[in-house]
Amino acid sequence: MTSPERAFDDGFAGTLTPGPRPALLVVDLMRAYFDQASPLCLPSDDGLAEAAAVLAAARAAGIPVVHTRVSYGEDGLDGGIFLQKVPALRQLIGDAPMGELMPQVAPRPHEVVVVKQYASSFFGTSLASMLQARRVDTVVIVGASTSGCVRATAVDALQHGFVPLVVREASLDRDETAHRAALYDLQAKYAEVGSVQEALDYLAGVDRLGATQA
């Protein structure tokens, strides 16, 4: 994986080596980010096709794929004070259409969908134990938003002992400045950030048996 635009001081110049047993995390690519009626709607769908390309490569390589989406109970209590801070999340209470995953990255029947309430895909979910049971060592991350759920997921992946690889063009954000800043900070301290092509090359080179053997 290559670094973002700026070089880092020696104290932040470390790199992580992706392992032979990756999983793909497709984070929150829900209708809420692409529907003009949603207050969470992104400026464009740029990045969605790139995420779909990485998903297709992961499937071709036979590695585990996990999707995430946000959903709250009918009373919203499981959203805690997060719903107070981000009122737009209230559109995801109950079986809301804005919580539907986009058809370009829709899960297949055997692919796990983790339902979460907060930014990190690991917080309050069984994701870490699920990946550990599959002996996963690396998580490739695509989705939305770069400065929110993607960043939080990458940080928690590191803290759970997984190598996080964030795919630059397949991470979406409503603000380009926030997007770039998040990627820069992730590369400096928490993850490897690379291009779609680098992710595709990595996935194509994964030993299929090593990636899927229990």
N, C-alpha and C. Protein backbone atom coordinates (compact mmCIF):
# COMPACT_ATOMS: atom_id res chain seq x y z
N MET A 1 0.84 -1.19 0.00
CA MET A 1 0.00 0.00 0.00
C MET A 1 0.88 1.24 0.00
N THR A 2 0.45 2.27 -0.69
CA THR A 2 1.24 3.50 -0.77
C THR A 2 0.69 4.53 0.19
N SER A 3 1.57 5.47 0.59
CA SER A 3 1.16 6.51 1.51
C SER A 3 0.37 7.59 0.80
N PRO A 4 -0.44 8.37 1.55
CA PRO A 4 -1.14 9.50 0.95
C PRO A 4 -0.16 10.57 0.50
N GLU A 5 -0.68 11.76 0.25
CA GLU A 5 0.06 12.78 -0.46
C GLU A 5 1.34 13.23 0.24
N ARG A 6 1.34 13.34 1.57
CA ARG A 6 2.47 13.90 2.29
C ARG A 6 3.31 12.82 2.94
N ALA A 7 4.62 13.10 3.05
CA ALA A 7 5.51 12.18 3.74
C ALA A 7 5.32 12.33 5.25
N PHE A 8 5.76 11.33 6.00
CA PHE A 8 5.62 11.34 7.44
C PHE A 8 6.98 11.45 8.11
N ASP A 9 7.02 12.03 9.29
CA ASP A 9 8.23 12.02 10.09
C ASP A 9 8.60 10.57 10.42
N ASP A 10 9.88 10.37 10.80
CA ASP A 10 10.34 9.01 11.07
C ASP A 10 9.50 8.30 12.11
N GLY A 11 9.02 9.06 13.10
CA GLY A 11 8.24 8.46 14.16
C GLY A 11 6.89 7.94 13.72
N PHE A 12 6.46 8.31 12.50
CA PHE A 12 5.17 7.87 11.96
C PHE A 12 5.35 7.20 10.60
N ALA A 13 6.53 6.64 10.38
CA ALA A 13 6.84 6.07 9.07
C ALA A 13 6.74 4.55 9.03
N GLY A 14 6.15 3.96 10.07
CA GLY A 14 6.02 2.51 10.10
C GLY A 14 4.99 2.01 9.10
N THR A 15 5.14 0.76 8.75
CA THR A 15 4.19 0.14 7.82
C THR A 15 3.71 -1.18 8.39
N LEU A 16 2.52 -1.59 7.98
CA LEU A 16 1.94 -2.87 8.36
C LEU A 16 1.94 -3.79 7.14
N THR A 17 2.26 -5.04 7.35
CA THR A 17 2.31 -6.00 6.26
C THR A 17 1.03 -6.83 6.24
N PRO A 18 0.27 -6.77 5.17
CA PRO A 18 -0.95 -7.56 5.11
C PRO A 18 -0.63 -9.05 5.12
N GLY A 19 -1.49 -9.82 5.75
CA GLY A 19 -1.27 -11.25 5.88
C GLY A 19 -1.96 -12.06 4.81
N PRO A 20 -1.87 -13.38 4.93
CA PRO A 20 -2.44 -14.28 3.91
C PRO A 20 -3.90 -14.63 4.12
N ARG A 21 -4.51 -14.11 5.21
CA ARG A 21 -5.88 -14.50 5.53
C ARG A 21 -6.77 -13.26 5.71
N PRO A 22 -7.05 -12.54 4.65
CA PRO A 22 -7.85 -11.31 4.77
C PRO A 22 -9.35 -11.57 4.78
N ALA A 23 -10.07 -10.57 5.22
CA ALA A 23 -11.52 -10.48 5.04
C ALA A 23 -11.82 -9.09 4.51
N LEU A 24 -12.92 -8.96 3.81
CA LEU A 24 -13.38 -7.66 3.32
C LEU A 24 -14.51 -7.16 4.19
N LEU A 25 -14.41 -5.91 4.66
CA LEU A 25 -15.49 -5.25 5.37
C LEU A 25 -16.09 -4.18 4.47
N VAL A 26 -17.36 -4.32 4.16
CA VAL A 26 -18.08 -3.32 3.35
C VAL A 26 -18.94 -2.54 4.33
N VAL A 27 -18.50 -1.32 4.64
CA VAL A 27 -19.06 -0.58 5.77
C VAL A 27 -20.19 0.36 5.33
N ASP A 28 -21.39 0.05 5.74
CA ASP A 28 -22.52 0.99 5.71
C ASP A 28 -22.83 1.60 4.35
N LEU A 29 -22.71 0.84 3.29
CA LEU A 29 -23.07 1.40 1.98
C LEU A 29 -24.58 1.28 1.80
N MET A 30 -25.27 2.12 2.56
CA MET A 30 -26.73 2.10 2.64
C MET A 30 -27.35 3.18 1.76
N ARG A 31 -28.61 2.99 1.48
CA ARG A 31 -29.37 3.96 0.69
C ARG A 31 -29.30 5.37 1.29
N ALA A 32 -29.18 5.46 2.62
CA ALA A 32 -29.14 6.77 3.29
C ALA A 32 -28.04 7.67 2.76
N TYR A 33 -26.97 7.09 2.24
CA TYR A 33 -25.85 7.89 1.74
C TYR A 33 -26.00 8.28 0.27
N PHE A 34 -27.02 7.74 -0.39
CA PHE A 34 -27.13 7.96 -1.83
C PHE A 34 -28.50 8.47 -2.27
N ASP A 35 -29.43 8.61 -1.36
CA ASP A 35 -30.79 9.07 -1.67
C ASP A 35 -30.88 10.56 -1.35
N GLN A 36 -31.31 11.35 -2.33
CA GLN A 36 -31.39 12.80 -2.14
C GLN A 36 -32.32 13.20 -1.01
N ALA A 37 -33.25 12.33 -0.65
CA ALA A 37 -34.19 12.64 0.43
C ALA A 37 -33.56 12.47 1.82
N SER A 38 -32.35 11.92 1.86
CA SER A 38 -31.70 11.65 3.14
C SER A 38 -30.76 12.79 3.54
N PRO A 39 -30.78 13.21 4.81
CA PRO A 39 -29.85 14.24 5.27
C PRO A 39 -28.40 13.74 5.31
N LEU A 40 -28.20 12.44 5.17
CA LEU A 40 -26.85 11.88 5.13
C LEU A 40 -26.32 11.73 3.70
N CYS A 41 -27.11 12.14 2.72
CA CYS A 41 -26.75 11.90 1.33
C CYS A 41 -25.40 12.54 0.97
N LEU A 42 -24.57 11.77 0.29
CA LEU A 42 -23.26 12.25 -0.16
C LEU A 42 -23.42 13.10 -1.41
N PRO A 43 -22.40 13.91 -1.72
CA PRO A 43 -22.48 14.76 -2.91
C PRO A 43 -22.60 13.98 -4.21
N SER A 44 -22.06 12.78 -4.26
CA SER A 44 -22.13 11.95 -5.46
C SER A 44 -21.98 10.49 -5.06
N ASP A 45 -22.13 9.60 -6.02
CA ASP A 45 -21.93 8.18 -5.73
C ASP A 45 -20.53 7.73 -6.13
N ASP A 46 -19.61 8.69 -6.32
CA ASP A 46 -18.23 8.34 -6.61
C ASP A 46 -17.68 7.45 -5.51
N GLY A 47 -17.11 6.35 -5.88
CA GLY A 47 -16.57 5.40 -4.93
C GLY A 47 -17.40 4.14 -4.80
N LEU A 48 -18.67 4.23 -5.15
CA LEU A 48 -19.53 3.05 -5.04
C LEU A 48 -19.12 1.97 -6.03
N ALA A 49 -18.83 2.36 -7.26
CA ALA A 49 -18.38 1.39 -8.27
C ALA A 49 -17.05 0.78 -7.87
N GLU A 50 -16.18 1.60 -7.28
CA GLU A 50 -14.88 1.09 -6.84
C GLU A 50 -15.05 0.08 -5.70
N ALA A 51 -15.97 0.38 -4.78
CA ALA A 51 -16.25 -0.57 -3.71
C ALA A 51 -16.79 -1.89 -4.28
N ALA A 52 -17.64 -1.78 -5.28
CA ALA A 52 -18.19 -2.98 -5.92
C ALA A 52 -17.09 -3.79 -6.59
N ALA A 53 -16.09 -3.11 -7.16
CA ALA A 53 -14.98 -3.82 -7.81
C ALA A 53 -14.14 -4.58 -6.79
N VAL A 54 -13.90 -3.96 -5.63
CA VAL A 54 -13.15 -4.65 -4.58
C VAL A 54 -13.96 -5.84 -4.05
N LEU A 55 -15.27 -5.65 -3.91
CA LEU A 55 -16.14 -6.74 -3.47
C LEU A 55 -16.08 -7.91 -4.44
N ALA A 56 -16.13 -7.61 -5.73
CA ALA A 56 -16.06 -8.68 -6.73
C ALA A 56 -14.74 -9.43 -6.65
N ALA A 57 -13.65 -8.69 -6.41
CA ALA A 57 -12.34 -9.33 -6.30
C ALA A 57 -12.25 -10.21 -5.06
N ALA A 58 -12.84 -9.75 -3.96
CA ALA A 58 -12.84 -10.55 -2.74
C ALA A 58 -13.61 -11.85 -2.95
N ARG A 59 -14.74 -11.74 -3.61
CA ARG A 59 -15.54 -12.94 -3.88
C ARG A 59 -14.77 -13.89 -4.80
N ALA A 60 -14.10 -13.35 -5.80
CA ALA A 60 -13.33 -14.19 -6.72
C ALA A 60 -12.19 -14.89 -6.00
N ALA A 61 -11.62 -14.22 -4.99
CA ALA A 61 -10.51 -14.80 -4.23
C ALA A 61 -10.98 -15.77 -3.17
N GLY A 62 -12.28 -15.81 -2.92
CA GLY A 62 -12.83 -16.73 -1.95
C GLY A 62 -12.60 -16.35 -0.51
N ILE A 63 -12.40 -15.04 -0.25
CA ILE A 63 -12.15 -14.63 1.13
C ILE A 63 -13.46 -14.23 1.80
N PRO A 64 -13.52 -14.24 3.13
CA PRO A 64 -14.76 -13.86 3.81
C PRO A 64 -15.14 -12.41 3.50
N VAL A 65 -16.43 -12.17 3.36
CA VAL A 65 -16.98 -10.84 3.14
C VAL A 65 -18.00 -10.56 4.23
N VAL A 66 -17.86 -9.38 4.87
CA VAL A 66 -18.81 -8.96 5.91
C VAL A 66 -19.33 -7.58 5.55
N HIS A 67 -20.63 -7.42 5.53
CA HIS A 67 -21.28 -6.14 5.30
C HIS A 67 -21.74 -5.59 6.64
N THR A 68 -21.80 -4.27 6.75
CA THR A 68 -22.40 -3.67 7.94
C THR A 68 -23.46 -2.66 7.52
N ARG A 69 -24.42 -2.48 8.40
CA ARG A 69 -25.41 -1.43 8.24
C ARG A 69 -25.84 -0.96 9.62
N VAL A 70 -26.45 0.22 9.67
CA VAL A 70 -26.89 0.80 10.93
C VAL A 70 -28.39 0.65 11.05
N SER A 71 -28.86 0.22 12.23
CA SER A 71 -30.29 0.11 12.49
C SER A 71 -30.52 0.24 13.99
N TYR A 72 -31.61 0.91 14.36
CA TYR A 72 -31.96 1.11 15.75
C TYR A 72 -33.34 0.53 16.03
N GLY A 73 -33.55 0.14 17.30
CA GLY A 73 -34.86 -0.34 17.71
C GLY A 73 -35.91 0.75 17.60
N GLU A 74 -37.16 0.36 17.69
CA GLU A 74 -38.27 1.28 17.46
C GLU A 74 -38.25 2.49 18.39
N ASP A 75 -37.70 2.32 19.59
CA ASP A 75 -37.65 3.45 20.52
C ASP A 75 -36.34 4.22 20.42
N GLY A 76 -35.38 3.71 19.67
CA GLY A 76 -34.10 4.40 19.49
C GLY A 76 -33.20 4.37 20.70
N LEU A 77 -33.55 3.65 21.74
CA LEU A 77 -32.75 3.65 22.96
C LEU A 77 -31.37 3.06 22.74
N ASP A 78 -31.26 2.11 21.81
CA ASP A 78 -29.94 1.50 21.57
C ASP A 78 -28.99 2.45 20.85
N GLY A 79 -29.50 3.60 20.42
CA GLY A 79 -28.64 4.62 19.83
C GLY A 79 -28.05 5.58 20.85
N GLY A 80 -28.54 5.48 22.10
CA GLY A 80 -27.98 6.32 23.16
C GLY A 80 -27.94 7.79 22.78
N ILE A 81 -26.88 8.45 23.24
CA ILE A 81 -26.75 9.88 22.96
C ILE A 81 -26.21 10.15 21.56
N PHE A 82 -25.82 9.08 20.84
CA PHE A 82 -25.37 9.25 19.45
C PHE A 82 -26.50 9.85 18.61
N LEU A 83 -27.73 9.41 18.87
CA LEU A 83 -28.87 9.94 18.13
C LEU A 83 -29.14 11.41 18.46
N GLN A 84 -28.74 11.83 19.64
CA GLN A 84 -28.86 13.25 19.99
C GLN A 84 -27.83 14.08 19.24
N LYS A 85 -26.61 13.54 19.14
CA LYS A 85 -25.54 14.26 18.46
C LYS A 85 -25.76 14.31 16.95
N VAL A 86 -26.28 13.23 16.39
CA VAL A 86 -26.49 13.15 14.93
C VAL A 86 -27.95 12.81 14.68
N PRO A 87 -28.86 13.80 14.73
CA PRO A 87 -30.29 13.51 14.54
C PRO A 87 -30.62 12.84 13.22
N ALA A 88 -29.77 13.01 12.20
CA ALA A 88 -30.03 12.37 10.91
C ALA A 88 -30.10 10.86 11.04
N LEU A 89 -29.48 10.30 12.07
CA LEU A 89 -29.50 8.85 12.25
C LEU A 89 -30.88 8.32 12.62
N ARG A 90 -31.79 9.21 13.02
CA ARG A 90 -33.13 8.77 13.41
C ARG A 90 -33.89 8.17 12.24
N GLN A 91 -33.47 8.47 11.02
CA GLN A 91 -34.12 7.87 9.86
C GLN A 91 -33.80 6.37 9.75
N LEU A 92 -32.88 5.88 10.59
CA LEU A 92 -32.51 4.48 10.58
C LEU A 92 -33.15 3.70 11.73
N ILE A 93 -34.12 4.31 12.39
CA ILE A 93 -34.88 3.62 13.43
C ILE A 93 -35.87 2.65 12.78
N GLY A 94 -35.91 1.44 13.32
CA GLY A 94 -36.84 0.45 12.80
C GLY A 94 -36.39 -0.13 11.47
N ASP A 95 -37.31 -0.77 10.78
CA ASP A 95 -37.01 -1.38 9.48
C ASP A 95 -37.10 -0.31 8.40
N ALA A 96 -36.12 0.61 8.42
CA ALA A 96 -36.19 1.80 7.59
C ALA A 96 -35.62 1.55 6.20
N PRO A 97 -36.27 2.07 5.16
CA PRO A 97 -35.74 1.87 3.80
C PRO A 97 -34.38 2.51 3.59
N MET A 98 -34.08 3.58 4.35
CA MET A 98 -32.77 4.21 4.19
C MET A 98 -31.63 3.32 4.68
N GLY A 99 -31.96 2.28 5.43
CA GLY A 99 -30.95 1.35 5.91
C GLY A 99 -30.64 0.22 4.95
N GLU A 100 -31.35 0.18 3.83
CA GLU A 100 -31.10 -0.88 2.85
C GLU A 100 -29.73 -0.72 2.22
N LEU A 101 -29.04 -1.83 2.00
CA LEU A 101 -27.74 -1.79 1.34
C LEU A 101 -27.93 -1.61 -0.17
N MET A 102 -27.01 -0.86 -0.76
CA MET A 102 -27.13 -0.54 -2.18
C MET A 102 -27.00 -1.80 -3.04
N PRO A 103 -27.77 -1.87 -4.14
CA PRO A 103 -27.76 -3.08 -4.97
C PRO A 103 -26.39 -3.39 -5.56
N GLN A 104 -25.58 -2.35 -5.80
CA GLN A 104 -24.24 -2.58 -6.38
C GLN A 104 -23.35 -3.40 -5.48
N VAL A 105 -23.64 -3.36 -4.16
CA VAL A 105 -22.82 -4.10 -3.19
C VAL A 105 -23.69 -4.98 -2.31
N ALA A 106 -24.82 -5.39 -2.81
CA ALA A 106 -25.76 -6.18 -2.02
C ALA A 106 -25.12 -7.50 -1.59
N PRO A 107 -25.36 -7.90 -0.35
CA PRO A 107 -24.77 -9.16 0.12
C PRO A 107 -25.39 -10.37 -0.55
N ARG A 108 -24.57 -11.39 -0.73
CA ARG A 108 -25.08 -12.68 -1.18
C ARG A 108 -25.62 -13.44 0.03
N PRO A 109 -26.43 -14.48 -0.20
CA PRO A 109 -27.09 -15.15 0.92
C PRO A 109 -26.14 -15.67 2.00
N HIS A 110 -24.93 -16.09 1.62
CA HIS A 110 -24.01 -16.65 2.60
C HIS A 110 -23.14 -15.59 3.28
N GLU A 111 -23.23 -14.34 2.87
CA GLU A 111 -22.39 -13.28 3.43
C GLU A 111 -23.04 -12.66 4.65
N VAL A 112 -22.25 -12.46 5.68
CA VAL A 112 -22.76 -11.95 6.94
C VAL A 112 -23.05 -10.46 6.84
N VAL A 113 -24.16 -10.03 7.44
CA VAL A 113 -24.48 -8.60 7.58
C VAL A 113 -24.51 -8.30 9.08
N VAL A 114 -23.58 -7.46 9.52
CA VAL A 114 -23.50 -7.06 10.92
C VAL A 114 -24.32 -5.79 11.10
N VAL A 115 -25.27 -5.82 12.01
CA VAL A 115 -26.09 -4.65 12.32
C VAL A 115 -25.44 -3.93 13.50
N LYS A 116 -25.16 -2.65 13.33
CA LYS A 116 -24.48 -1.89 14.37
C LYS A 116 -25.25 -0.61 14.69
N GLN A 117 -24.88 0.01 15.80
CA GLN A 117 -25.54 1.25 16.23
C GLN A 117 -24.60 2.43 16.32
N TYR A 118 -23.30 2.15 16.27
CA TYR A 118 -22.31 3.22 16.45
C TYR A 118 -21.32 3.21 15.28
N ALA A 119 -20.32 4.07 15.35
CA ALA A 119 -19.44 4.26 14.20
C ALA A 119 -18.63 3.02 13.87
N SER A 120 -17.95 2.46 14.85
CA SER A 120 -17.10 1.30 14.59
C SER A 120 -17.92 0.05 14.33
N SER A 121 -17.50 -0.71 13.34
CA SER A 121 -18.16 -1.99 13.05
C SER A 121 -17.89 -3.02 14.14
N PHE A 122 -16.91 -2.76 15.00
CA PHE A 122 -16.56 -3.69 16.07
C PHE A 122 -17.31 -3.39 17.37
N PHE A 123 -17.71 -2.12 17.58
CA PHE A 123 -18.28 -1.74 18.87
C PHE A 123 -19.66 -2.36 19.07
N GLY A 124 -19.80 -3.14 20.13
CA GLY A 124 -21.09 -3.73 20.46
C GLY A 124 -21.55 -4.81 19.50
N THR A 125 -20.63 -5.38 18.70
CA THR A 125 -21.00 -6.43 17.75
C THR A 125 -20.10 -7.65 17.97
N SER A 126 -20.40 -8.72 17.27
CA SER A 126 -19.60 -9.95 17.35
C SER A 126 -18.55 -10.02 16.25
N LEU A 127 -18.28 -8.91 15.58
CA LEU A 127 -17.39 -8.93 14.42
C LEU A 127 -16.01 -9.48 14.77
N ALA A 128 -15.40 -9.00 15.85
CA ALA A 128 -14.03 -9.43 16.18
C ALA A 128 -13.97 -10.94 16.40
N SER A 129 -14.89 -11.48 17.19
CA SER A 129 -14.87 -12.92 17.46
C SER A 129 -15.15 -13.71 16.18
N MET A 130 -16.01 -13.17 15.32
CA MET A 130 -16.30 -13.83 14.06
C MET A 130 -15.06 -13.94 13.19
N LEU A 131 -14.31 -12.84 13.08
CA LEU A 131 -13.09 -12.84 12.28
C LEU A 131 -12.02 -13.72 12.90
N GLN A 132 -11.91 -13.66 14.22
CA GLN A 132 -10.92 -14.50 14.90
C GLN A 132 -11.22 -15.98 14.70
N ALA A 133 -12.49 -16.33 14.69
CA ALA A 133 -12.87 -17.73 14.47
C ALA A 133 -12.46 -18.20 13.08
N ARG A 134 -12.43 -17.27 12.12
CA ARG A 134 -11.99 -17.58 10.76
C ARG A 134 -10.48 -17.43 10.59
N ARG A 135 -9.79 -17.09 11.69
CA ARG A 135 -8.33 -16.89 11.69
C ARG A 135 -7.92 -15.78 10.71
N VAL A 136 -8.76 -14.79 10.57
CA VAL A 136 -8.45 -13.63 9.72
C VAL A 136 -7.33 -12.82 10.36
N ASP A 137 -6.40 -12.33 9.55
CA ASP A 137 -5.32 -11.49 10.06
C ASP A 137 -5.33 -10.08 9.50
N THR A 138 -6.10 -9.85 8.45
CA THR A 138 -6.10 -8.57 7.75
C THR A 138 -7.53 -8.22 7.35
N VAL A 139 -7.92 -6.96 7.50
CA VAL A 139 -9.23 -6.54 7.03
C VAL A 139 -9.07 -5.44 5.98
N VAL A 140 -9.62 -5.68 4.81
CA VAL A 140 -9.69 -4.69 3.74
C VAL A 140 -11.00 -3.94 3.94
N ILE A 141 -10.92 -2.60 3.98
CA ILE A 141 -12.09 -1.81 4.37
C ILE A 141 -12.50 -0.87 3.24
N VAL A 142 -13.76 -0.94 2.85
CA VAL A 142 -14.37 0.02 1.92
C VAL A 142 -15.66 0.50 2.56
N GLY A 143 -16.18 1.65 2.10
CA GLY A 143 -17.48 2.08 2.59
C GLY A 143 -17.56 3.54 2.96
N ALA A 144 -18.51 3.85 3.83
CA ALA A 144 -18.81 5.23 4.20
C ALA A 144 -19.03 5.34 5.71
N SER A 145 -18.73 6.51 6.26
CA SER A 145 -17.95 7.54 5.61
C SER A 145 -16.50 7.44 6.06
N THR A 146 -15.60 7.97 5.23
CA THR A 146 -14.17 7.87 5.51
C THR A 146 -13.83 8.43 6.88
N SER A 147 -14.35 9.61 7.18
CA SER A 147 -14.00 10.28 8.43
C SER A 147 -14.81 9.80 9.62
N GLY A 148 -15.80 8.93 9.37
CA GLY A 148 -16.65 8.44 10.43
C GLY A 148 -16.50 6.95 10.64
N CYS A 149 -17.39 6.17 10.04
CA CYS A 149 -17.43 4.74 10.31
C CYS A 149 -16.25 3.97 9.75
N VAL A 150 -15.72 4.41 8.61
CA VAL A 150 -14.53 3.75 8.06
C VAL A 150 -13.34 3.97 8.99
N ARG A 151 -13.15 5.22 9.41
CA ARG A 151 -12.04 5.52 10.30
C ARG A 151 -12.17 4.77 11.62
N ALA A 152 -13.35 4.82 12.23
CA ALA A 152 -13.55 4.16 13.51
C ALA A 152 -13.35 2.65 13.39
N THR A 153 -13.80 2.07 12.29
CA THR A 153 -13.63 0.64 12.07
C THR A 153 -12.17 0.28 11.91
N ALA A 154 -11.42 1.09 11.17
CA ALA A 154 -10.00 0.82 10.98
C ALA A 154 -9.23 0.91 12.29
N VAL A 155 -9.54 1.91 13.10
CA VAL A 155 -8.86 2.06 14.40
C VAL A 155 -9.16 0.85 15.28
N ASP A 156 -10.41 0.43 15.34
CA ASP A 156 -10.76 -0.72 16.17
C ASP A 156 -10.20 -2.01 15.61
N ALA A 157 -10.07 -2.12 14.29
CA ALA A 157 -9.45 -3.30 13.70
C ALA A 157 -8.02 -3.45 14.21
N LEU A 158 -7.28 -2.35 14.19
CA LEU A 158 -5.91 -2.36 14.72
C LEU A 158 -5.90 -2.77 16.19
N GLN A 159 -6.82 -2.21 16.95
CA GLN A 159 -6.86 -2.47 18.39
C GLN A 159 -7.26 -3.92 18.71
N HIS A 160 -7.89 -4.58 17.75
CA HIS A 160 -8.22 -6.00 17.92
C HIS A 160 -7.17 -6.92 17.31
N GLY A 161 -6.09 -6.35 16.78
CA GLY A 161 -4.99 -7.16 16.28
C GLY A 161 -5.05 -7.50 14.81
N PHE A 162 -5.95 -6.87 14.04
CA PHE A 162 -6.02 -7.08 12.60
C PHE A 162 -5.27 -5.97 11.87
N VAL A 163 -4.65 -6.29 10.76
CA VAL A 163 -4.03 -5.27 9.92
C VAL A 163 -5.13 -4.62 9.08
N PRO A 164 -5.38 -3.31 9.26
CA PRO A 164 -6.43 -2.65 8.46
C PRO A 164 -5.85 -2.07 7.16
N LEU A 165 -6.49 -2.38 6.05
CA LEU A 165 -6.13 -1.81 4.75
C LEU A 165 -7.34 -1.03 4.24
N VAL A 166 -7.24 0.28 4.22
CA VAL A 166 -8.34 1.14 3.78
C VAL A 166 -8.14 1.49 2.31
N VAL A 167 -9.16 1.25 1.51
CA VAL A 167 -9.05 1.49 0.06
C VAL A 167 -9.50 2.91 -0.24
N ARG A 168 -8.56 3.72 -0.69
CA ARG A 168 -8.76 5.17 -0.80
C ARG A 168 -9.97 5.54 -1.66
N GLU A 169 -10.03 5.07 -2.90
CA GLU A 169 -11.10 5.48 -3.81
C GLU A 169 -12.43 4.81 -3.51
N ALA A 170 -12.39 3.77 -2.69
CA ALA A 170 -13.62 3.06 -2.33
C ALA A 170 -14.12 3.46 -0.95
N SER A 171 -13.57 4.54 -0.41
CA SER A 171 -14.04 5.13 0.85
C SER A 171 -14.68 6.46 0.52
N LEU A 172 -15.91 6.68 0.98
CA LEU A 172 -16.70 7.83 0.56
C LEU A 172 -16.95 8.75 1.73
N ASP A 173 -16.99 10.06 1.43
CA ASP A 173 -17.26 11.04 2.47
C ASP A 173 -17.99 12.23 1.85
N ARG A 174 -18.74 12.94 2.68
CA ARG A 174 -19.48 14.10 2.17
C ARG A 174 -18.59 15.33 2.02
N ASP A 175 -17.38 15.28 2.56
CA ASP A 175 -16.48 16.43 2.53
C ASP A 175 -15.08 15.97 2.13
N GLU A 176 -14.55 16.53 1.05
CA GLU A 176 -13.25 16.10 0.54
C GLU A 176 -12.12 16.40 1.52
N THR A 177 -12.22 17.52 2.23
CA THR A 177 -11.19 17.84 3.21
C THR A 177 -11.18 16.81 4.34
N ALA A 178 -12.36 16.47 4.84
CA ALA A 178 -12.45 15.46 5.89
C ALA A 178 -11.97 14.10 5.40
N HIS A 179 -12.30 13.77 4.16
CA HIS A 179 -11.87 12.52 3.55
C HIS A 179 -10.34 12.43 3.52
N ARG A 180 -9.71 13.46 3.00
CA ARG A 180 -8.24 13.45 2.90
C ARG A 180 -7.57 13.45 4.26
N ALA A 181 -8.12 14.24 5.19
CA ALA A 181 -7.53 14.30 6.53
C ALA A 181 -7.63 12.95 7.23
N ALA A 182 -8.77 12.29 7.09
CA ALA A 182 -8.95 10.99 7.72
C ALA A 182 -7.98 9.96 7.15
N LEU A 183 -7.83 9.94 5.83
CA LEU A 183 -6.91 9.00 5.22
C LEU A 183 -5.47 9.27 5.64
N TYR A 184 -5.11 10.55 5.71
CA TYR A 184 -3.76 10.91 6.14
C TYR A 184 -3.51 10.42 7.56
N ASP A 185 -4.46 10.66 8.44
CA ASP A 185 -4.29 10.27 9.84
C ASP A 185 -4.28 8.76 10.00
N LEU A 186 -5.11 8.07 9.24
CA LEU A 186 -5.11 6.61 9.29
C LEU A 186 -3.77 6.04 8.87
N GLN A 187 -3.22 6.55 7.77
CA GLN A 187 -1.92 6.06 7.30
C GLN A 187 -0.83 6.37 8.32
N ALA A 188 -0.91 7.51 8.97
CA ALA A 188 0.12 7.90 9.92
C ALA A 188 0.14 7.02 11.16
N LYS A 189 -1.05 6.56 11.60
CA LYS A 189 -1.10 5.94 12.92
C LYS A 189 -1.80 4.59 13.02
N TYR A 190 -2.72 4.29 12.13
CA TYR A 190 -3.60 3.16 12.41
C TYR A 190 -3.73 2.12 11.30
N ALA A 191 -3.40 2.44 10.07
CA ALA A 191 -3.75 1.55 8.96
C ALA A 191 -2.78 1.74 7.80
N GLU A 192 -2.95 0.91 6.82
CA GLU A 192 -2.35 1.14 5.51
C GLU A 192 -3.46 1.63 4.59
N VAL A 193 -3.17 2.68 3.84
CA VAL A 193 -4.13 3.26 2.90
C VAL A 193 -3.58 3.06 1.50
N GLY A 194 -4.37 2.46 0.64
CA GLY A 194 -3.90 2.20 -0.72
C GLY A 194 -4.99 2.39 -1.75
N SER A 195 -4.59 2.25 -3.00
CA SER A 195 -5.51 2.46 -4.11
C SER A 195 -6.34 1.21 -4.38
N VAL A 196 -7.36 1.37 -5.19
CA VAL A 196 -8.16 0.23 -5.62
C VAL A 196 -7.28 -0.81 -6.30
N GLN A 197 -6.39 -0.35 -7.18
CA GLN A 197 -5.55 -1.31 -7.90
C GLN A 197 -4.66 -2.10 -6.95
N GLU A 198 -4.13 -1.43 -5.95
CA GLU A 198 -3.31 -2.14 -4.98
C GLU A 198 -4.14 -3.18 -4.21
N ALA A 199 -5.37 -2.81 -3.87
CA ALA A 199 -6.24 -3.76 -3.19
C ALA A 199 -6.56 -4.95 -4.09
N LEU A 200 -6.84 -4.69 -5.35
CA LEU A 200 -7.16 -5.77 -6.29
C LEU A 200 -5.96 -6.69 -6.46
N ASP A 201 -4.77 -6.10 -6.57
CA ASP A 201 -3.56 -6.92 -6.72
C ASP A 201 -3.33 -7.78 -5.49
N TYR A 202 -3.54 -7.20 -4.32
CA TYR A 202 -3.37 -7.96 -3.07
C TYR A 202 -4.35 -9.12 -3.00
N LEU A 203 -5.61 -8.85 -3.28
CA LEU A 203 -6.62 -9.90 -3.20
C LEU A 203 -6.37 -11.00 -4.24
N ALA A 204 -5.91 -10.59 -5.42
CA ALA A 204 -5.63 -11.59 -6.47
C ALA A 204 -4.46 -12.48 -6.07
N GLY A 205 -3.57 -11.98 -5.23
CA GLY A 205 -2.41 -12.74 -4.83
C GLY A 205 -2.58 -13.57 -3.58
N VAL A 206 -3.73 -13.44 -2.93
CA VAL A 206 -3.97 -14.21 -1.72
C VAL A 206 -4.11 -15.69 -2.03
N ASP A 207 -3.43 -16.51 -1.23
CA ASP A 207 -3.58 -17.96 -1.36
C ASP A 207 -5.01 -18.32 -0.99
N ARG A 208 -5.76 -18.82 -1.93
CA ARG A 208 -7.18 -19.09 -1.68
C ARG A 208 -7.40 -20.08 -0.54
N LEU A 209 -6.61 -21.14 -0.51
CA LEU A 209 -6.78 -22.11 0.57
C LEU A 209 -6.39 -21.50 1.91
N GLY A 210 -5.33 -20.67 1.92
CA GLY A 210 -4.92 -20.04 3.16
C GLY A 210 -5.94 -19.06 3.66
N ALA A 211 -6.68 -18.45 2.76
CA ALA A 211 -7.66 -17.45 3.15
C ALA A 211 -8.94 -18.08 3.69
N THR A 212 -9.26 -19.29 3.23
CA THR A 212 -10.57 -19.84 3.56
C THR A 212 -10.53 -21.03 4.50
N GLN A 213 -9.37 -21.61 4.70
CA GLN A 213 -9.29 -22.78 5.57
C GLN A 213 -9.65 -22.40 7.00
N ALA A 214 -10.49 -23.16 7.65
CA ALA A 214 -10.89 -22.86 9.03
C ALA A 214 -9.78 -23.19 10.00
